[in-house]
Amino acid sequence: MNLTVQELHEKLKNKENFLLIDVREKWEHDTFNVGGTLLPIAELMNRMWELEDYKDKEVVVYCQSGNRSGMAQHLLKASGFQHVYNVTGGMGAWVTAFGKEKPGA
């Protein structure tokens, strides 16, 4: 299941309840993010236990382009997470659509 950046923007603007995870590297997250919890893809498998409470809840993953978050989505689903969404186009698409605007900021 995928989300567009426009759909993510609406979810953030409406303050919907979901876990948002940034699977990029720290330097990318520090440069620009939309408020997601930083959990780099390289650390995901070793830190999956931290997300156990969200197995039946909505989880949205993003990266720069949608590729790493697509891998993260696959790993999470394979580990039993039920509702995992990948942000297509990632932060690259976000900046194209919205600049560096953060909803609710």
PDB file of N, CA and C in Angstrom:
ATOM      1  N   MET A   1       0.858  -1.180   0.000  1.00  0.00           N
ATOM      2  CA  MET A   1       0.000   0.000   0.000  1.00  0.00           C
ATOM      3  C   MET A   1       0.897   1.234   0.000  1.00  0.00           C
ATOM      4  N   ASN A   2       0.527   2.173  -0.806  1.00  0.00           N
ATOM      5  CA  ASN A   2       1.320   3.388  -0.945  1.00  0.00           C
ATOM      6  C   ASN A   2       0.504   4.622  -0.605  1.00  0.00           C
ATOM      7  N   LEU A   3       1.204   5.674  -0.238  1.00  0.00           N
ATOM      8  CA  LEU A   3       0.600   6.990  -0.022  1.00  0.00           C
ATOM      9  C   LEU A   3       1.347   7.977  -0.900  1.00  0.00           C
ATOM     10  N   THR A   4       0.645   8.929  -1.452  1.00  0.00           N
ATOM     11  CA  THR A   4       1.312  10.025  -2.142  1.00  0.00           C
ATOM     12  C   THR A   4       1.740  11.052  -1.100  1.00  0.00           C
ATOM     13  N   VAL A   5       2.606  11.962  -1.492  1.00  0.00           N
ATOM     14  CA  VAL A   5       3.004  13.012  -0.556  1.00  0.00           C
ATOM     15  C   VAL A   5       1.807  13.905  -0.228  1.00  0.00           C
ATOM     16  N   GLN A   6       0.890  14.050  -1.159  1.00  0.00           N
ATOM     17  CA  GLN A   6      -0.308  14.850  -0.904  1.00  0.00           C
ATOM     18  C   GLN A   6      -1.170  14.185   0.180  1.00  0.00           C
ATOM     19  N   GLU A   7      -1.293  12.845   0.111  1.00  0.00           N
ATOM     20  CA  GLU A   7      -2.062  12.128   1.123  1.00  0.00           C
ATOM     21  C   GLU A   7      -1.376  12.214   2.488  1.00  0.00           C
ATOM     22  N   LEU A   8      -0.058  12.096   2.508  1.00  0.00           N
ATOM     23  CA  LEU A   8       0.669  12.234   3.775  1.00  0.00           C
ATOM     24  C   LEU A   8       0.504  13.639   4.320  1.00  0.00           C
ATOM     25  N   HIS A   9       0.588  14.629   3.478  1.00  0.00           N
ATOM     26  CA  HIS A   9       0.408  16.024   3.891  1.00  0.00           C
ATOM     27  C   HIS A   9      -0.940  16.190   4.589  1.00  0.00           C
ATOM     28  N   GLU A  10      -1.992  15.631   4.013  1.00  0.00           N
ATOM     29  CA  GLU A  10      -3.333  15.726   4.614  1.00  0.00           C
ATOM     30  C   GLU A  10      -3.383  15.024   5.964  1.00  0.00           C
ATOM     31  N   LYS A  11      -2.791  13.822   6.057  1.00  0.00           N
ATOM     32  CA  LYS A  11      -2.787  13.078   7.319  1.00  0.00           C
ATOM     33  C   LYS A  11      -2.080  13.877   8.415  1.00  0.00           C
ATOM     34  N   LEU A  12      -0.953  14.504   8.056  1.00  0.00           N
ATOM     35  CA  LEU A  12      -0.224  15.303   9.035  1.00  0.00           C
ATOM     36  C   LEU A  12      -1.007  16.555   9.409  1.00  0.00           C
ATOM     37  N   LYS A  13      -1.582  17.214   8.411  1.00  0.00           N
ATOM     38  CA  LYS A  13      -2.355  18.430   8.665  1.00  0.00           C
ATOM     39  C   LYS A  13      -3.543  18.139   9.582  1.00  0.00           C
ATOM     40  N   ASN A  14      -4.165  16.973   9.384  1.00  0.00           N
ATOM     41  CA  ASN A  14      -5.329  16.586  10.190  1.00  0.00           C
ATOM     42  C   ASN A  14      -4.949  15.923  11.505  1.00  0.00           C
ATOM     43  N   LYS A  15      -3.632  15.823  11.758  1.00  0.00           N
ATOM     44  CA  LYS A  15      -3.113  15.229  12.996  1.00  0.00           C
ATOM     45  C   LYS A  15      -3.667  13.817  13.244  1.00  0.00           C
ATOM     46  N   GLU A  16      -3.729  13.031  12.165  1.00  0.00           N
ATOM     47  CA  GLU A  16      -4.183  11.647  12.290  1.00  0.00           C
ATOM     48  C   GLU A  16      -3.190  10.854  13.134  1.00  0.00           C
ATOM     49  N   ASN A  17      -3.679   9.780  13.717  1.00  0.00           N
ATOM     50  CA  ASN A  17      -2.868   8.965  14.616  1.00  0.00           C
ATOM     51  C   ASN A  17      -2.220   7.812  13.842  1.00  0.00           C
ATOM     52  N   PHE A  18      -0.925   7.911  13.614  1.00  0.00           N
ATOM     53  CA  PHE A  18      -0.165   6.854  12.958  1.00  0.00           C
ATOM     54  C   PHE A  18       1.301   7.032  13.312  1.00  0.00           C
ATOM     55  N   LEU A  19       2.079   5.971  13.114  1.00  0.00           N
ATOM     56  CA  LEU A  19       3.516   6.037  13.354  1.00  0.00           C
ATOM     57  C   LEU A  19       4.192   6.402  12.047  1.00  0.00           C
ATOM     58  N   LEU A  20       4.971   7.477  12.045  1.00  0.00           N
ATOM     59  CA  LEU A  20       5.690   7.947  10.870  1.00  0.00           C
ATOM     60  C   LEU A  20       7.176   7.683  11.082  1.00  0.00           C
ATOM     61  N   ILE A  21       7.782   6.920  10.152  1.00  0.00           N
ATOM     62  CA  ILE A  21       9.185   6.535  10.288  1.00  0.00           C
ATOM     63  C   ILE A  21       9.981   7.022   9.079  1.00  0.00           C
ATOM     64  N   ASP A  22      11.083   7.696   9.364  1.00  0.00           N
ATOM     65  CA  ASP A  22      12.041   8.150   8.352  1.00  0.00           C
ATOM     66  C   ASP A  22      13.166   7.122   8.321  1.00  0.00           C
ATOM     67  N   VAL A  23      13.316   6.392   7.191  1.00  0.00           N
ATOM     68  CA  VAL A  23      14.328   5.340   7.119  1.00  0.00           C
ATOM     69  C   VAL A  23      15.624   5.808   6.448  1.00  0.00           C
ATOM     70  N   ARG A  24      15.774   7.127   6.299  1.00  0.00           N
ATOM     71  CA  ARG A  24      16.996   7.676   5.718  1.00  0.00           C
ATOM     72  C   ARG A  24      18.106   7.721   6.768  1.00  0.00           C
ATOM     73  N   GLU A  25      19.260   8.199   6.352  1.00  0.00           N
ATOM     74  CA  GLU A  25      20.383   8.376   7.270  1.00  0.00           C
ATOM     75  C   GLU A  25      20.186   9.658   8.085  1.00  0.00           C
ATOM     76  N   LYS A  26      20.895   9.753   9.223  1.00  0.00           N
ATOM     77  CA  LYS A  26      20.724  10.894  10.126  1.00  0.00           C
ATOM     78  C   LYS A  26      20.973  12.219   9.419  1.00  0.00           C
ATOM     79  N   TRP A  27      21.997  12.300   8.595  1.00  0.00           N
ATOM     80  CA  TRP A  27      22.306  13.574   7.923  1.00  0.00           C
ATOM     81  C   TRP A  27      21.159  13.997   7.000  1.00  0.00           C
ATOM     82  N   GLU A  28      20.486  13.032   6.368  1.00  0.00           N
ATOM     83  CA  GLU A  28      19.356  13.360   5.504  1.00  0.00           C
ATOM     84  C   GLU A  28      18.182  13.866   6.341  1.00  0.00           C
ATOM     85  N   HIS A  29      17.947  13.176   7.445  1.00  0.00           N
ATOM     86  CA  HIS A  29      16.871  13.549   8.371  1.00  0.00           C
ATOM     87  C   HIS A  29      17.123  14.949   8.928  1.00  0.00           C
ATOM     88  N   ASP A  30      18.382  15.218   9.285  1.00  0.00           N
ATOM     89  CA  ASP A  30      18.730  16.526   9.844  1.00  0.00           C
ATOM     90  C   ASP A  30      18.585  17.639   8.814  1.00  0.00           C
ATOM     91  N   THR A  31      18.792  17.334   7.544  1.00  0.00           N
ATOM     92  CA  THR A  31      18.671  18.328   6.486  1.00  0.00           C
ATOM     93  C   THR A  31      17.224  18.760   6.298  1.00  0.00           C
ATOM     94  N   PHE A  32      16.309  17.784   6.241  1.00  0.00           N
ATOM     95  CA  PHE A  32      14.873  18.077   6.139  1.00  0.00           C
ATOM     96  C   PHE A  32      14.082  16.824   6.431  1.00  0.00           C
ATOM     97  N   ASN A  33      13.047  16.960   7.251  1.00  0.00           N
ATOM     98  CA  ASN A  33      12.130  15.849   7.516  1.00  0.00           C
ATOM     99  C   ASN A  33      10.760  16.421   7.826  1.00  0.00           C
ATOM    100  N   VAL A  34       9.756  15.558   7.817  1.00  0.00           N
ATOM    101  CA  VAL A  34       8.388  16.008   8.105  1.00  0.00           C
ATOM    102  C   VAL A  34       7.910  15.501   9.460  1.00  0.00           C
ATOM    103  N   GLY A  35       8.873  15.226  10.336  1.00  0.00           N
ATOM    104  CA  GLY A  35       8.513  14.872  11.705  1.00  0.00           C
ATOM    105  C   GLY A  35       8.554  13.393  12.018  1.00  0.00           C
ATOM    106  N   GLY A  36       9.005  12.583  11.093  1.00  0.00           N
ATOM    107  CA  GLY A  36       9.064  11.151  11.355  1.00  0.00           C
ATOM    108  C   GLY A  36      10.157  10.782  12.336  1.00  0.00           C
ATOM    109  N   THR A  37       9.966   9.658  13.003  1.00  0.00           N
ATOM    110  CA  THR A  37      10.975   9.097  13.881  1.00  0.00           C
ATOM    111  C   THR A  37      12.095   8.541  13.014  1.00  0.00           C
ATOM    112  N   LEU A  38      13.322   8.911  13.303  1.00  0.00           N
ATOM    113  CA  LEU A  38      14.461   8.429  12.525  1.00  0.00           C
ATOM    114  C   LEU A  38      14.776   6.988  12.903  1.00  0.00           C
ATOM    115  N   LEU A  39      14.724   6.115  11.902  1.00  0.00           N
ATOM    116  CA  LEU A  39      15.089   4.707  12.064  1.00  0.00           C
ATOM    117  C   LEU A  39      15.686   4.242  10.734  1.00  0.00           C
ATOM    118  N   PRO A  40      16.995   4.496  10.546  1.00  0.00           N
ATOM    119  CA  PRO A  40      17.629   4.170   9.264  1.00  0.00           C
ATOM    120  C   PRO A  40      17.398   2.723   8.843  1.00  0.00           C
ATOM    121  N   ILE A  41      17.224   2.518   7.550  1.00  0.00           N
ATOM    122  CA  ILE A  41      16.947   1.185   7.011  1.00  0.00           C
ATOM    123  C   ILE A  41      17.992   0.173   7.471  1.00  0.00           C
ATOM    124  N   ALA A  42      19.260   0.586   7.589  1.00  0.00           N
ATOM    125  CA  ALA A  42      20.325  -0.330   8.007  1.00  0.00           C
ATOM    126  C   ALA A  42      20.131  -0.828   9.435  1.00  0.00           C
ATOM    127  N   GLU A  43      19.370  -0.088  10.243  1.00  0.00           N
ATOM    128  CA  GLU A  43      19.149  -0.465  11.642  1.00  0.00           C
ATOM    129  C   GLU A  43      17.788  -1.115  11.870  1.00  0.00           C
ATOM    130  N   LEU A  44      16.956  -1.124  10.870  1.00  0.00           N
ATOM    131  CA  LEU A  44      15.559  -1.546  11.041  1.00  0.00           C
ATOM    132  C   LEU A  44      15.422  -2.948  11.613  1.00  0.00           C
ATOM    133  N   MET A  45      16.098  -3.915  11.036  1.00  0.00           N
ATOM    134  CA  MET A  45      15.939  -5.297  11.513  1.00  0.00           C
ATOM    135  C   MET A  45      16.356  -5.451  12.971  1.00  0.00           C
ATOM    136  N   ASN A  46      17.435  -4.785  13.369  1.00  0.00           N
ATOM    137  CA  ASN A  46      17.916  -4.908  14.747  1.00  0.00           C
ATOM    138  C   ASN A  46      17.076  -4.116  15.741  1.00  0.00           C
ATOM    139  N   ARG A  47      16.274  -3.191  15.247  1.00  0.00           N
ATOM    140  CA  ARG A  47      15.464  -2.358  16.143  1.00  0.00           C
ATOM    141  C   ARG A  47      13.967  -2.582  15.973  1.00  0.00           C
ATOM    142  N   MET A  48      13.590  -3.599  15.209  1.00  0.00           N
ATOM    143  CA  MET A  48      12.176  -3.878  14.943  1.00  0.00           C
ATOM    144  C   MET A  48      11.376  -4.064  16.240  1.00  0.00           C
ATOM    145  N   TRP A  49      12.025  -4.608  17.272  1.00  0.00           N
ATOM    146  CA  TRP A  49      11.351  -4.832  18.547  1.00  0.00           C
ATOM    147  C   TRP A  49      10.779  -3.532  19.122  1.00  0.00           C
ATOM    148  N   GLU A  50      11.401  -2.394  18.793  1.00  0.00           N
ATOM    149  CA  GLU A  50      10.916  -1.105  19.300  1.00  0.00           C
ATOM    150  C   GLU A  50       9.544  -0.751  18.744  1.00  0.00           C
ATOM    151  N   LEU A  51       9.155  -1.402  17.667  1.00  0.00           N
ATOM    152  CA  LEU A  51       7.904  -1.076  16.978  1.00  0.00           C
ATOM    153  C   LEU A  51       6.788  -2.074  17.256  1.00  0.00           C
ATOM    154  N   GLU A  52       7.037  -3.064  18.101  1.00  0.00           N
ATOM    155  CA  GLU A  52       6.077  -4.144  18.350  1.00  0.00           C
ATOM    156  C   GLU A  52       4.665  -3.645  18.643  1.00  0.00           C
ATOM    157  N   ASP A  53       4.536  -2.547  19.371  1.00  0.00           N
ATOM    158  CA  ASP A  53       3.212  -2.034  19.740  1.00  0.00           C
ATOM    159  C   ASP A  53       2.412  -1.545  18.533  1.00  0.00           C
ATOM    160  N   TYR A  54       3.058  -1.438  17.379  1.00  0.00           N
ATOM    161  CA  TYR A  54       2.400  -0.895  16.188  1.00  0.00           C
ATOM    162  C   TYR A  54       2.060  -1.956  15.151  1.00  0.00           C
ATOM    163  N   LYS A  55       2.174  -3.232  15.506  1.00  0.00           N
ATOM    164  CA  LYS A  55       1.926  -4.297  14.522  1.00  0.00           C
ATOM    165  C   LYS A  55       0.520  -4.231  13.930  1.00  0.00           C
ATOM    166  N   ASP A  56      -0.462  -3.813  14.712  1.00  0.00           N
ATOM    167  CA  ASP A  56      -1.842  -3.740  14.225  1.00  0.00           C
ATOM    168  C   ASP A  56      -2.284  -2.303  13.975  1.00  0.00           C
ATOM    169  N   LYS A  57      -1.346  -1.365  14.024  1.00  0.00           N
ATOM    170  CA  LYS A  57      -1.677   0.045  13.824  1.00  0.00           C
ATOM    171  C   LYS A  57      -1.091   0.532  12.506  1.00  0.00           C
ATOM    172  N   GLU A  58      -1.463   1.722  12.128  1.00  0.00           N
ATOM    173  CA  GLU A  58      -0.982   2.290  10.873  1.00  0.00           C
ATOM    174  C   GLU A  58       0.452   2.796  11.013  1.00  0.00           C
ATOM    175  N   VAL A  59       1.307   2.352  10.095  1.00  0.00           N
ATOM    176  CA  VAL A  59       2.707   2.752  10.048  1.00  0.00           C
ATOM    177  C   VAL A  59       2.978   3.308   8.660  1.00  0.00           C
ATOM    178  N   VAL A  60       3.586   4.495   8.605  1.00  0.00           N
ATOM    179  CA  VAL A  60       3.940   5.120   7.332  1.00  0.00           C
ATOM    180  C   VAL A  60       5.454   5.296   7.323  1.00  0.00           C
ATOM    181  N   VAL A  61       6.101   4.807   6.246  1.00  0.00           N
ATOM    182  CA  VAL A  61       7.553   4.916   6.116  1.00  0.00           C
ATOM    183  C   VAL A  61       7.900   5.800   4.929  1.00  0.00           C
ATOM    184  N   TYR A  62       8.961   6.596   5.103  1.00  0.00           N
ATOM    185  CA  TYR A  62       9.421   7.435   3.991  1.00  0.00           C
ATOM    186  C   TYR A  62      10.937   7.500   3.955  1.00  0.00           C
ATOM    187  N   CYS A  63      11.455   7.837   2.775  1.00  0.00           N
ATOM    188  CA  CYS A  63      12.882   8.056   2.570  1.00  0.00           C
ATOM    189  C   CYS A  63      13.022   9.220   1.598  1.00  0.00           C
ATOM    190  N   GLN A  64      14.088   9.267   0.835  1.00  0.00           N
ATOM    191  CA  GLN A  64      14.282  10.362  -0.112  1.00  0.00           C
ATOM    192  C   GLN A  64      13.494  10.157  -1.401  1.00  0.00           C
ATOM    193  N   SER A  65      13.420   8.900  -1.876  1.00  0.00           N
ATOM    194  CA  SER A  65      12.794   8.640  -3.174  1.00  0.00           C
ATOM    195  C   SER A  65      11.654   7.639  -3.144  1.00  0.00           C
ATOM    196  N   GLY A  66      11.521   6.890  -2.069  1.00  0.00           N
ATOM    197  CA  GLY A  66      10.518   5.838  -1.985  1.00  0.00           C
ATOM    198  C   GLY A  66      11.110   4.446  -2.115  1.00  0.00           C
ATOM    199  N   ASN A  67      12.386   4.343  -2.482  1.00  0.00           N
ATOM    200  CA  ASN A  67      13.014   3.030  -2.657  1.00  0.00           C
ATOM    201  C   ASN A  67      13.360   2.358  -1.326  1.00  0.00           C
ATOM    202  N   ARG A  68      14.095   3.058  -0.464  1.00  0.00           N
ATOM    203  CA  ARG A  68      14.452   2.467   0.837  1.00  0.00           C
ATOM    204  C   ARG A  68      13.212   2.237   1.684  1.00  0.00           C
ATOM    205  N   SER A  69      12.271   3.168   1.612  1.00  0.00           N
ATOM    206  CA  SER A  69      11.038   2.980   2.392  1.00  0.00           C
ATOM    207  C   SER A  69      10.230   1.815   1.833  1.00  0.00           C
ATOM    208  N   GLY A  70      10.335   1.554   0.534  1.00  0.00           N
ATOM    209  CA  GLY A  70       9.693   0.375  -0.045  1.00  0.00           C
ATOM    210  C   GLY A  70      10.286  -0.902   0.530  1.00  0.00           C
ATOM    211  N   MET A  71      11.619  -0.923   0.699  1.00  0.00           N
ATOM    212  CA  MET A  71      12.281  -2.071   1.327  1.00  0.00           C
ATOM    213  C   MET A  71      11.840  -2.197   2.790  1.00  0.00           C
ATOM    214  N   ALA A  72      11.763  -1.066   3.475  1.00  0.00           N
ATOM    215  CA  ALA A  72      11.332  -1.084   4.881  1.00  0.00           C
ATOM    216  C   ALA A  72       9.899  -1.597   4.987  1.00  0.00           C
ATOM    217  N   GLN A  73       9.046  -1.168   4.077  1.00  0.00           N
ATOM    218  CA  GLN A  73       7.661  -1.634   4.057  1.00  0.00           C
ATOM    219  C   GLN A  73       7.633  -3.158   3.922  1.00  0.00           C
ATOM    220  N   HIS A  74       8.417  -3.690   3.011  1.00  0.00           N
ATOM    221  CA  HIS A  74       8.473  -5.136   2.797  1.00  0.00           C
ATOM    222  C   HIS A  74       8.952  -5.854   4.065  1.00  0.00           C
ATOM    223  N   LEU A  75      10.007  -5.349   4.699  1.00  0.00           N
ATOM    224  CA  LEU A  75      10.533  -5.960   5.924  1.00  0.00           C
ATOM    225  C   LEU A  75       9.503  -5.939   7.050  1.00  0.00           C
ATOM    226  N   LEU A  76       8.828  -4.815   7.196  1.00  0.00           N
ATOM    227  CA  LEU A  76       7.812  -4.706   8.254  1.00  0.00           C
ATOM    228  C   LEU A  76       6.650  -5.665   8.000  1.00  0.00           C
ATOM    229  N   LYS A  77       6.173  -5.714   6.777  1.00  0.00           N
ATOM    230  CA  LYS A  77       5.063  -6.612   6.446  1.00  0.00           C
ATOM    231  C   LYS A  77       5.472  -8.070   6.656  1.00  0.00           C
ATOM    232  N   ALA A  78       6.702  -8.416   6.280  1.00  0.00           N
ATOM    233  CA  ALA A  78       7.200  -9.779   6.470  1.00  0.00           C
ATOM    234  C   ALA A  78       7.336 -10.125   7.955  1.00  0.00           C
ATOM    235  N   SER A  79       7.433  -9.099   8.797  1.00  0.00           N
ATOM    236  CA  SER A  79       7.552  -9.302  10.248  1.00  0.00           C
ATOM    237  C   SER A  79       6.210  -9.210  10.951  1.00  0.00           C
ATOM    238  N   GLY A  80       5.132  -9.162  10.197  1.00  0.00           N
ATOM    239  CA  GLY A  80       3.798  -9.221  10.793  1.00  0.00           C
ATOM    240  C   GLY A  80       3.081  -7.903  10.973  1.00  0.00           C
ATOM    241  N   PHE A  81       3.654  -6.803  10.482  1.00  0.00           N
ATOM    242  CA  PHE A  81       2.963  -5.522  10.575  1.00  0.00           C
ATOM    243  C   PHE A  81       1.851  -5.497   9.533  1.00  0.00           C
ATOM    244  N   GLN A  82       0.656  -5.101   9.948  1.00  0.00           N
ATOM    245  CA  GLN A  82      -0.530  -5.240   9.115  1.00  0.00           C
ATOM    246  C   GLN A  82      -0.806  -4.066   8.186  1.00  0.00           C
ATOM    247  N   HIS A  83      -0.537  -2.841   8.637  1.00  0.00           N
ATOM    248  CA  HIS A  83      -0.957  -1.639   7.896  1.00  0.00           C
ATOM    249  C   HIS A  83       0.251  -0.726   7.661  1.00  0.00           C
ATOM    250  N   VAL A  84       1.072  -1.081   6.685  1.00  0.00           N
ATOM    251  CA  VAL A  84       2.299  -0.338   6.407  1.00  0.00           C
ATOM    252  C   VAL A  84       2.169   0.364   5.056  1.00  0.00           C
ATOM    253  N   TYR A  85       2.392   1.664   5.056  1.00  0.00           N
ATOM    254  CA  TYR A  85       2.277   2.472   3.853  1.00  0.00           C
ATOM    255  C   TYR A  85       3.632   3.076   3.504  1.00  0.00           C
ATOM    256  N   ASN A  86       3.971   3.036   2.225  1.00  0.00           N
ATOM    257  CA  ASN A  86       5.188   3.643   1.714  1.00  0.00           C
ATOM    258  C   ASN A  86       4.822   4.959   1.032  1.00  0.00           C
ATOM    259  N   VAL A  87       5.567   6.010   1.324  1.00  0.00           N
ATOM    260  CA  VAL A  87       5.338   7.304   0.684  1.00  0.00           C
ATOM    261  C   VAL A  87       6.064   7.310  -0.664  1.00  0.00           C
ATOM    262  N   THR A  88       5.294   7.253  -1.739  1.00  0.00           N
ATOM    263  CA  THR A  88       5.888   7.209  -3.077  1.00  0.00           C
ATOM    264  C   THR A  88       6.557   8.542  -3.407  1.00  0.00           C
ATOM    265  N   GLY A  89       7.764   8.445  -3.911  1.00  0.00           N
ATOM    266  CA  GLY A  89       8.522   9.646  -4.262  1.00  0.00           C
ATOM    267  C   GLY A  89       9.267  10.262  -3.102  1.00  0.00           C
ATOM    268  N   GLY A  90       8.943   9.870  -1.871  1.00  0.00           N
ATOM    269  CA  GLY A  90       9.650  10.320  -0.680  1.00  0.00           C
ATOM    270  C   GLY A  90       9.764  11.828  -0.527  1.00  0.00           C
ATOM    271  N   MET A  91      10.822  12.235   0.167  1.00  0.00           N
ATOM    272  CA  MET A  91      11.019  13.660   0.444  1.00  0.00           C
ATOM    273  C   MET A  91      11.354  14.446  -0.819  1.00  0.00           C
ATOM    274  N   GLY A  92      11.883  13.786  -1.828  1.00  0.00           N
ATOM    275  CA  GLY A  92      12.104  14.464  -3.105  1.00  0.00           C
ATOM    276  C   GLY A  92      10.790  14.952  -3.684  1.00  0.00           C
ATOM    277  N   ALA A  93       9.780  14.076  -3.681  1.00  0.00           N
ATOM    278  CA  ALA A  93       8.455  14.451  -4.178  1.00  0.00           C
ATOM    279  C   ALA A  93       7.797  15.484  -3.259  1.00  0.00           C
ATOM    280  N   TRP A  94       8.051  15.366  -1.955  1.00  0.00           N
ATOM    281  CA  TRP A  94       7.482  16.325  -1.002  1.00  0.00           C
ATOM    282  C   TRP A  94       7.989  17.732  -1.312  1.00  0.00           C
ATOM    283  N   VAL A  95       9.313  17.871  -1.458  1.00  0.00           N
ATOM    284  CA  VAL A  95       9.902  19.186  -1.707  1.00  0.00           C
ATOM    285  C   VAL A  95       9.409  19.748  -3.040  1.00  0.00           C
ATOM    286  N   THR A  96       9.237  18.895  -4.039  1.00  0.00           N
ATOM    287  CA  THR A  96       8.688  19.345  -5.327  1.00  0.00           C
ATOM    288  C   THR A  96       7.270  19.865  -5.158  1.00  0.00           C
ATOM    289  N   ALA A  97       6.461  19.172  -4.355  1.00  0.00           N
ATOM    290  CA  ALA A  97       5.054  19.550  -4.174  1.00  0.00           C
ATOM    291  C   ALA A  97       4.848  20.696  -3.184  1.00  0.00           C
ATOM    292  N   PHE A  98       5.608  20.687  -2.084  1.00  0.00           N
ATOM    293  CA  PHE A  98       5.323  21.620  -0.980  1.00  0.00           C
ATOM    294  C   PHE A  98       6.504  22.477  -0.544  1.00  0.00           C
ATOM    295  N   GLY A  99       7.653  22.328  -1.182  1.00  0.00           N
ATOM    296  CA  GLY A  99       8.841  22.988  -0.681  1.00  0.00           C
ATOM    297  C   GLY A  99       9.230  22.346   0.645  1.00  0.00           C
ATOM    298  N   LYS A 100       9.730  23.119   1.572  1.00  0.00           N
ATOM    299  CA  LYS A 100      10.125  22.544   2.859  1.00  0.00           C
ATOM    300  C   LYS A 100       9.082  22.824   3.937  1.00  0.00           C
ATOM    301  N   GLU A 101       7.842  22.950   3.517  1.00  0.00           N
ATOM    302  CA  GLU A 101       6.721  23.149   4.451  1.00  0.00           C
ATOM    303  C   GLU A 101       6.478  21.894   5.261  1.00  0.00           C
ATOM    304  N   LYS A 102       6.244  22.084   6.548  1.00  0.00           N
ATOM    305  CA  LYS A 102       5.858  20.990   7.424  1.00  0.00           C
ATOM    306  C   LYS A 102       4.453  21.303   7.943  1.00  0.00           C
ATOM    307  N   PRO A 103       3.467  20.442   7.655  1.00  0.00           N
ATOM    308  CA  PRO A 103       2.116  20.697   8.168  1.00  0.00           C
ATOM    309  C   PRO A 103       2.093  20.805   9.682  1.00  0.00           C
ATOM    310  N   GLY A 104       1.364  21.753  10.170  1.00  0.00           N
ATOM    311  CA  GLY A 104       1.223  21.923  11.611  1.00  0.00           C
ATOM    312  C   GLY A 104       2.394  22.639  12.265  1.00  0.00           C
ATOM    313  N   ALA A 105       3.403  22.982  11.467  1.00  0.00           N
ATOM    314  CA  ALA A 105       4.572  23.648  12.040  1.00  0.00           C
ATOM    315  C   ALA A 105       4.327  25.156  12.154  1.00  0.00           C
TER     316      ALA A 105
END
